Amino acid sequence: MTGHIVALGGGGFSMEPDNLALDRYILSLWRGPGREPRVCFIPTATGDSAGYIDRFYYAFEKLPCRPTHLALTNPHNPDPASAVLENDIFYVGGGNTHEMLSVWHQSGLDQALKEAWHAGKILCGISAGAICWFEQAISDSVVEGELHPLKCLGFLEGTACPHYDEPGRRETFHRCLASGDVGAGYGIDNRAALHFEGLKLVNVVTSRPDAYAYHVALTNGQVAETVVSNRKQGIAAKELRRAPPS
């Protein structure tokens, strides 16, 4: 029974402290026994920033859950695999995706999270914590100040690009797709999130009406970008634009 993955292009408690709609949505997916879910924040991508951890607790202590965190830089923390067994939802923070994945691999956390997901637990996160689950990503963590493709964990198929409504993100994804450096995938605006159940995209949720998620693919030599939206009958998409390769 594979669990859920919720990928936030931006938003949630760290970007919208006064609007926790996306965070509440994640908690609503919990279907465990009669208790509040244990939510583990993983701030590896910021080097376990104390300020980031504080902001997580400030937000999630107000919500119906039991918040905790896993700081891999703290030698007194339990074994990552043990920490994963003890929690239900894993919320990965933003930051440097490349460095985060390296630390996870060294500690074995990547494999532990994969096993947790296959056991039905919930994985989620913002920015680095969103794109890490896909095969590839458009990331600024490969070369500082630049956007490049990055190989990720591959739990989900395709390529992901967060903060898709920020300058340079859409253009870079289109260019890398046209050149064959990445495969088709998703552009996720700030304040938008993709919800996968197992490998299937089952919902798109937003905390603002002007936030969107897009499927981006190469069709007949052109980049075809479609808006993916939530409908009563499930996921529907309409073509938004076609852009020639550049």
Protein backbone atom coordinates (compact mmCIF):
# COMPACT_ATOMS: atom_id res chain seq x y z
CA MET A 1 0.00 0.00 0.00
CA THR A 2 1.96 2.99 -1.28
CA GLY A 3 1.17 6.25 0.49
CA HIS A 4 0.74 9.87 -0.53
CA ILE A 5 3.18 12.50 -1.78
CA VAL A 6 2.26 16.20 -1.73
CA ALA A 7 4.67 18.48 -3.60
CA LEU A 8 4.40 22.21 -2.85
CA GLY A 9 5.95 24.50 -5.44
CA GLY A 10 5.98 27.15 -2.74
CA GLY A 11 3.72 28.19 0.12
CA GLY A 12 2.81 26.46 3.33
CA PHE A 13 3.90 27.62 6.76
CA SER A 14 7.30 28.88 5.65
CA MET A 15 5.98 31.21 2.93
CA GLU A 16 2.45 31.89 4.12
CA PRO A 17 2.47 31.82 7.93
CA ASP A 18 -1.00 33.40 7.99
CA ASN A 19 -2.45 30.96 5.48
CA LEU A 20 -1.92 27.31 6.39
CA ALA A 21 -4.39 25.92 3.84
CA LEU A 22 -1.84 23.65 2.15
CA ASP A 23 -0.53 22.38 5.49
CA ARG A 24 -4.07 21.62 6.64
CA TYR A 25 -4.69 19.74 3.40
CA ILE A 26 -1.69 17.50 4.08
CA LEU A 27 -2.98 16.70 7.56
CA SER A 28 -6.42 15.89 6.13
CA LEU A 29 -4.91 12.92 4.27
CA TRP A 30 -4.08 11.09 7.49
CA ARG A 31 -6.27 8.01 7.89
CA GLY A 32 -4.49 6.32 10.78
CA PRO A 33 -5.85 5.01 14.08
CA GLY A 34 -7.78 7.26 16.44
CA ARG A 35 -5.03 9.74 17.29
CA GLU A 36 -3.48 12.84 15.82
CA PRO A 37 -0.73 12.16 13.22
CA ARG A 38 2.93 12.53 14.15
CA VAL A 39 4.45 15.05 11.73
CA CYS A 40 8.22 15.02 11.36
CA PHE A 41 9.84 18.13 9.86
CA ILE A 42 13.10 17.43 7.98
CA PRO A 43 15.10 20.67 7.48
CA THR A 44 18.22 19.10 5.95
CA ALA A 45 18.22 21.43 2.92
CA THR A 46 18.94 24.45 5.14
CA GLY A 47 21.54 22.67 7.25
CA ASP A 48 18.92 22.14 9.98
CA SER A 49 18.34 25.88 10.44
CA ALA A 50 17.14 26.56 13.98
CA GLY A 51 14.97 29.42 12.77
CA TYR A 52 13.27 27.21 10.20
CA ILE A 53 12.60 24.56 12.84
CA ASP A 54 11.11 27.20 15.14
CA ARG A 55 8.77 28.40 12.38
CA PHE A 56 7.60 24.83 11.82
CA TYR A 57 6.71 24.35 15.48
CA TYR A 58 5.06 27.77 15.69
CA ALA A 59 2.72 26.79 12.84
CA PHE A 60 2.11 23.11 13.51
CA GLU A 61 1.56 23.38 17.24
CA LYS A 62 -1.66 25.18 16.27
CA LEU A 63 -2.79 22.30 14.06
CA PRO A 64 -4.30 18.90 14.94
CA CYS A 65 -1.06 16.92 14.97
CA ARG A 66 1.97 16.03 17.07
CA PRO A 67 4.94 17.91 15.56
CA THR A 68 8.54 16.80 15.83
CA HIS A 69 11.67 17.18 13.71
CA LEU A 70 14.73 15.29 12.51
CA ALA A 71 18.00 17.25 12.41
CA LEU A 72 20.66 15.08 10.81
CA THR A 73 23.44 17.46 11.90
CA ASN A 74 22.63 16.72 15.55
CA PRO A 75 24.74 13.76 16.71
CA HIS A 76 22.31 13.13 19.58
CA ASN A 77 19.39 12.43 17.26
CA PRO A 78 18.22 8.83 16.95
CA ASP A 79 19.03 6.72 13.94
CA PRO A 80 17.10 8.16 10.94
CA ALA A 81 15.45 4.82 10.25
CA SER A 82 14.13 4.71 13.82
CA ALA A 83 12.81 8.26 13.55
CA VAL A 84 10.98 7.34 10.35
CA LEU A 85 9.32 4.35 12.02
CA GLU A 86 7.99 6.56 14.82
CA ASN A 87 6.25 9.15 12.59
CA ASP A 88 3.37 9.28 10.11
CA ILE A 89 3.92 12.38 7.94
CA PHE A 90 7.30 13.65 6.75
CA TYR A 91 7.44 17.33 5.81
CA VAL A 92 10.67 18.25 4.01
CA GLY A 93 11.76 21.88 4.00
CA GLY A 94 13.21 23.95 1.19
CA GLY A 95 16.83 24.88 0.57
CA ASN A 96 19.73 23.20 -1.21
CA THR A 97 18.35 20.05 -2.85
CA HIS A 98 21.72 18.75 -4.05
CA GLU A 99 23.30 18.92 -0.59
CA MET A 100 20.18 17.51 1.04
CA LEU A 101 20.12 14.41 -1.17
CA SER A 102 23.82 13.82 -0.49
CA VAL A 103 23.25 13.92 3.28
CA TRP A 104 20.22 11.67 2.99
CA HIS A 105 22.18 9.11 0.99
CA GLN A 106 25.01 9.08 3.51
CA SER A 107 22.62 8.63 6.43
CA GLY A 108 20.29 6.15 4.75
CA LEU A 109 17.32 8.47 5.16
CA ASP A 110 16.44 8.27 1.46
CA GLN A 111 15.87 4.53 1.67
CA ALA A 112 14.03 4.83 4.99
CA LEU A 113 11.62 7.38 3.49
CA LYS A 114 11.02 5.17 0.47
CA GLU A 115 10.13 2.27 2.74
CA ALA A 116 7.83 4.54 4.78
CA TRP A 117 6.04 5.65 1.60
CA HIS A 118 5.60 2.04 0.47
CA ALA A 119 4.17 1.30 3.91
CA GLY A 120 1.45 3.91 3.36
CA LYS A 121 2.92 6.95 5.10
CA ILE A 122 2.76 10.52 3.77
CA LEU A 123 5.70 12.36 2.22
CA CYS A 124 5.46 16.06 1.48
CA GLY A 125 7.47 19.24 1.28
CA ILE A 126 8.13 22.59 -0.28
CA SER A 127 10.61 23.45 -3.05
CA ALA A 128 13.55 21.10 -2.36
CA GLY A 129 11.08 19.04 -0.35
CA ALA A 130 8.78 18.85 -3.39
CA ILE A 131 11.16 18.16 -6.25
CA CYS A 132 13.28 15.58 -4.41
CA TRP A 133 10.64 12.85 -4.94
CA PHE A 134 10.77 13.05 -8.76
CA GLU A 135 13.25 11.53 -11.21
CA GLN A 136 14.67 14.94 -12.13
CA ALA A 137 14.24 18.56 -11.19
CA ILE A 138 15.04 22.06 -12.32
CA SER A 139 17.11 23.33 -9.40
CA ASP A 140 19.35 26.23 -8.38
CA SER A 141 21.38 23.93 -6.09
CA VAL A 142 23.68 22.52 -8.78
CA VAL A 143 25.42 25.83 -9.54
CA GLU A 144 24.74 28.74 -7.20
CA GLY A 145 22.66 31.42 -8.85
CA GLU A 146 21.83 29.30 -11.91
CA LEU A 147 19.11 26.81 -12.83
CA HIS A 148 20.12 23.35 -14.05
CA PRO A 149 18.73 19.79 -14.20
CA LEU A 150 19.30 17.68 -11.09
CA LYS A 151 18.87 13.92 -10.65
CA CYS A 152 16.57 13.21 -7.71
CA LEU A 153 15.17 10.17 -5.87
CA GLY A 154 12.87 8.87 -8.58
CA PHE A 155 9.93 7.89 -6.38
CA LEU A 156 7.71 9.73 -8.89
CA GLU A 157 8.16 9.78 -12.64
CA GLY A 158 9.23 12.85 -14.59
CA THR A 159 10.71 16.25 -13.89
CA ALA A 160 9.55 18.86 -11.37
CA CYS A 161 10.17 22.60 -11.26
CA PRO A 162 9.08 24.55 -8.15
CA HIS A 163 8.41 28.31 -7.92
CA TYR A 164 7.27 28.06 -11.52
CA ASP A 165 5.82 31.57 -11.51
CA GLU A 166 9.18 33.13 -10.61
CA PRO A 167 11.46 34.61 -13.31
CA GLY A 168 13.59 32.11 -15.22
CA ARG A 169 11.96 28.92 -13.96
CA ARG A 170 9.51 28.34 -16.81
CA GLU A 171 12.05 29.37 -19.44
CA THR A 172 14.71 27.00 -18.09
CA PHE A 173 12.33 24.04 -17.92
CA HIS A 174 11.21 24.67 -21.51
CA ARG A 175 14.81 24.96 -22.73
CA CYS A 176 15.99 21.81 -20.93
CA LEU A 177 12.98 19.86 -22.17
CA ALA A 178 13.54 20.98 -25.77
CA SER A 179 17.23 20.04 -25.60
CA GLY A 180 16.49 16.61 -24.17
CA ASP A 181 18.25 17.26 -20.87
CA VAL A 182 15.08 16.47 -18.91
CA GLY A 183 11.86 14.59 -19.55
CA ALA A 184 8.28 15.76 -19.29
CA GLY A 185 6.92 16.71 -15.89
CA TYR A 186 5.37 19.46 -13.82
CA GLY A 187 5.83 23.14 -13.17
CA ILE A 188 4.38 24.07 -9.78
CA ASP A 189 3.67 27.70 -8.87
CA ASN A 190 4.14 29.17 -5.44
CA ARG A 191 1.00 28.45 -3.39
CA ALA A 192 0.18 25.36 -5.46
CA ALA A 193 0.70 21.68 -4.70
CA LEU A 194 0.42 18.36 -6.52
CA HIS A 195 -1.07 15.43 -4.60
CA PHE A 196 -0.08 11.92 -5.67
CA GLU A 197 -1.59 8.75 -4.27
CA GLY A 198 0.98 6.14 -5.08
CA LEU A 199 2.17 7.11 -8.57
CA LYS A 200 -1.16 8.64 -9.61
CA LEU A 201 -1.79 12.38 -9.58
CA VAL A 202 -5.15 12.68 -7.83
CA ASN A 203 -5.44 16.37 -6.93
CA VAL A 204 -4.07 19.85 -7.37
CA VAL A 205 -4.60 22.19 -4.44
CA THR A 206 -3.86 25.89 -4.10
CA SER A 207 -3.97 28.44 -1.33
CA ARG A 208 -4.61 31.34 -3.74
CA PRO A 209 -6.91 31.51 -6.77
CA ASP A 210 -4.13 32.72 -9.07
CA ALA A 211 -1.79 29.76 -8.38
CA TYR A 212 -1.50 26.89 -10.87
CA ALA A 213 0.28 23.65 -11.64
CA TYR A 214 1.21 22.70 -15.20
CA HIS A 215 2.08 19.57 -17.12
CA VAL A 216 5.01 20.36 -19.41
CA ALA A 217 5.88 18.03 -22.29
CA LEU A 218 7.39 17.98 -25.76
CA THR A 219 4.83 17.36 -28.52
CA ASN A 220 5.81 17.30 -32.19
CA GLY A 221 8.98 19.22 -31.42
CA GLN A 222 7.19 21.92 -29.45
CA VAL A 223 6.90 22.49 -25.73
CA ALA A 224 3.26 22.01 -24.77
CA GLU A 225 2.27 23.42 -21.39
CA THR A 226 -1.12 22.57 -19.90
CA VAL A 227 -2.85 23.73 -16.76
CA VAL A 228 -3.69 20.83 -14.47
CA SER A 229 -6.70 21.55 -12.29
CA ASN A 230 -8.98 19.84 -9.85
CA ARG A 231 -12.40 18.87 -11.15
CA LYS A 232 -15.33 17.07 -9.50
CA GLN A 233 -14.62 14.11 -11.75
CA GLY A 234 -10.92 14.10 -10.87
CA ILE A 235 -7.94 15.60 -12.63
CA ALA A 236 -8.55 17.43 -15.88
CA ALA A 237 -6.18 19.44 -18.03
CA LYS A 238 -6.60 22.01 -20.76
CA GLU A 239 -3.95 23.25 -23.11
CA LEU A 240 -2.61 26.63 -22.06
CA ARG A 241 0.08 27.44 -24.61
CA ARG A 242 2.58 25.98 -26.99
CA ALA A 243 6.05 27.40 -27.14
CA PRO A 244 8.70 26.63 -29.77
CA PRO A 245 11.99 25.16 -28.51
CA SER A 246 14.60 27.82 -27.79
